[in-house]
């Protein structure tokens, strides 16, 4: 982390982006586990599950970047 433990603006953007992404992950997980999702066609459920997996991978990558600040 830079001197003074102050993040640079681009680093703060990554932290903010991860927080927003994690919120979306929580909301999508709740939706996927809910009753409405079960009424969707199987392919749509599959696509939502794939989307969630990619979002989790992206979040993990952001975490790894943040660890390096």
C-alpha atoms as a PDB file:
ATOM      1  CA  UNK A   1       0.000   0.000   0.000  1.00  0.00           C
ATOM      2  CA  UNK A   2       1.308   3.512  -0.723  1.00  0.00           C
ATOM      3  CA  UNK A   3       2.942   5.589   2.009  1.00  0.00           C
ATOM      4  CA  UNK A   4       0.512   6.828   4.622  1.00  0.00           C
ATOM      5  CA  UNK A   5      -1.697   3.766   4.066  1.00  0.00           C
ATOM      6  CA  UNK A   6      -3.812   5.869   1.716  1.00  0.00           C
ATOM      7  CA  UNK A   7      -5.101   4.108  -1.366  1.00  0.00           C
ATOM      8  CA  UNK A   8      -4.624   5.632  -4.753  1.00  0.00           C
ATOM      9  CA  UNK A   9      -7.844   6.554  -6.624  1.00  0.00           C
ATOM     10  CA  UNK A  10      -7.523   3.600  -9.004  1.00  0.00           C
ATOM     11  CA  UNK A  11      -7.100   1.255  -6.033  1.00  0.00           C
ATOM     12  CA  UNK A  12     -10.183   2.667  -4.323  1.00  0.00           C
ATOM     13  CA  UNK A  13     -12.148   2.091  -7.530  1.00  0.00           C
ATOM     14  CA  UNK A  14     -11.183  -1.600  -7.429  1.00  0.00           C
ATOM     15  CA  UNK A  15     -12.276  -1.857  -3.775  1.00  0.00           C
ATOM     16  CA  UNK A  16     -15.575  -0.132  -4.589  1.00  0.00           C
ATOM     17  CA  UNK A  17     -16.110  -2.332  -7.643  1.00  0.00           C
ATOM     18  CA  UNK A  18     -15.588  -5.480  -5.562  1.00  0.00           C
ATOM     19  CA  UNK A  19     -18.050  -4.273  -2.919  1.00  0.00           C
ATOM     20  CA  UNK A  20     -20.687  -3.613  -5.590  1.00  0.00           C
ATOM     21  CA  UNK A  21     -19.997  -6.959  -7.250  1.00  0.00           C
ATOM     22  CA  UNK A  22     -20.241  -8.828  -3.952  1.00  0.00           C
ATOM     23  CA  UNK A  23     -23.608  -7.181  -3.303  1.00  0.00           C
ATOM     24  CA  UNK A  24     -24.818  -8.353  -6.724  1.00  0.00           C
ATOM     25  CA  UNK A  25     -23.494 -11.852  -5.991  1.00  0.00           C
ATOM     26  CA  UNK A  26     -25.492 -11.945  -2.755  1.00  0.00           C
ATOM     27  CA  UNK A  27     -28.656 -10.785  -4.514  1.00  0.00           C
ATOM     28  CA  UNK A  28     -28.278 -13.233  -7.404  1.00  0.00           C
ATOM     29  CA  UNK A  29     -27.581 -16.095  -4.988  1.00  0.00           C
ATOM     30  CA  UNK A  30     -30.760 -15.232  -3.089  1.00  0.00           C
ATOM     31  CA  UNK A  31     -32.718 -15.135  -6.345  1.00  0.00           C
ATOM     32  CA  UNK A  32     -31.311 -18.457  -7.566  1.00  0.00           C
ATOM     33  CA  UNK A  33     -32.218 -20.113  -4.261  1.00  0.00           C
ATOM     34  CA  UNK A  34     -35.713 -18.617  -4.270  1.00  0.00           C
ATOM     35  CA  UNK A  35     -39.032 -19.865  -5.563  1.00  0.00           C
ATOM     36  CA  UNK A  36     -39.251 -17.583  -8.612  1.00  0.00           C
ATOM     37  CA  UNK A  37     -36.069 -18.999 -10.114  1.00  0.00           C
ATOM     38  CA  UNK A  38     -37.500 -22.512  -9.897  1.00  0.00           C
ATOM     39  CA  UNK A  39     -40.295 -21.432 -12.258  1.00  0.00           C
ATOM     40  CA  UNK A  40     -37.855 -20.400 -15.002  1.00  0.00           C
ATOM     41  CA  UNK A  41     -36.973 -22.682 -17.865  1.00  0.00           C
ATOM     42  CA  UNK A  42     -34.063 -24.992 -17.115  1.00  0.00           C
ATOM     43  CA  UNK A  43     -31.788 -23.245 -19.623  1.00  0.00           C
ATOM     44  CA  UNK A  44     -32.412 -19.873 -17.981  1.00  0.00           C
ATOM     45  CA  UNK A  45     -31.576 -21.366 -14.583  1.00  0.00           C
ATOM     46  CA  UNK A  46     -28.384 -22.783 -16.081  1.00  0.00           C
ATOM     47  CA  UNK A  47     -27.401 -19.410 -17.508  1.00  0.00           C
ATOM     48  CA  UNK A  48     -28.001 -17.668 -14.183  1.00  0.00           C
ATOM     49  CA  UNK A  49     -25.859 -20.265 -12.450  1.00  0.00           C
ATOM     50  CA  UNK A  50     -23.097 -19.762 -15.025  1.00  0.00           C
ATOM     51  CA  UNK A  51     -23.335 -16.002 -14.551  1.00  0.00           C
ATOM     52  CA  UNK A  52     -22.981 -16.412 -10.786  1.00  0.00           C
ATOM     53  CA  UNK A  53     -19.904 -18.585 -11.242  1.00  0.00           C
ATOM     54  CA  UNK A  54     -18.249 -15.982 -13.438  1.00  0.00           C
ATOM     55  CA  UNK A  55     -19.140 -13.222 -10.994  1.00  0.00           C
ATOM     56  CA  UNK A  56     -17.542 -15.200  -8.151  1.00  0.00           C
ATOM     57  CA  UNK A  57     -14.383 -15.756 -10.207  1.00  0.00           C
ATOM     58  CA  UNK A  58     -14.234 -12.050 -11.010  1.00  0.00           C
ATOM     59  CA  UNK A  59     -14.679 -11.190  -7.324  1.00  0.00           C
ATOM     60  CA  UNK A  60     -11.834 -13.539  -6.389  1.00  0.00           C
ATOM     61  CA  UNK A  61      -9.578 -11.878  -8.965  1.00  0.00           C
ATOM     62  CA  UNK A  62     -10.425  -8.465  -7.537  1.00  0.00           C
ATOM     63  CA  UNK A  63      -9.600  -9.800  -4.047  1.00  0.00           C
ATOM     64  CA  UNK A  64      -6.210 -10.951  -5.264  1.00  0.00           C
ATOM     65  CA  UNK A  65      -5.542  -7.537  -6.770  1.00  0.00           C
ATOM     66  CA  UNK A  66      -6.599  -5.783  -3.564  1.00  0.00           C
ATOM     67  CA  UNK A  67      -4.241  -7.980  -1.521  1.00  0.00           C
ATOM     68  CA  UNK A  68      -1.377  -6.553  -3.571  1.00  0.00           C
ATOM     69  CA  UNK A  69      -2.168  -2.919  -2.734  1.00  0.00           C
END
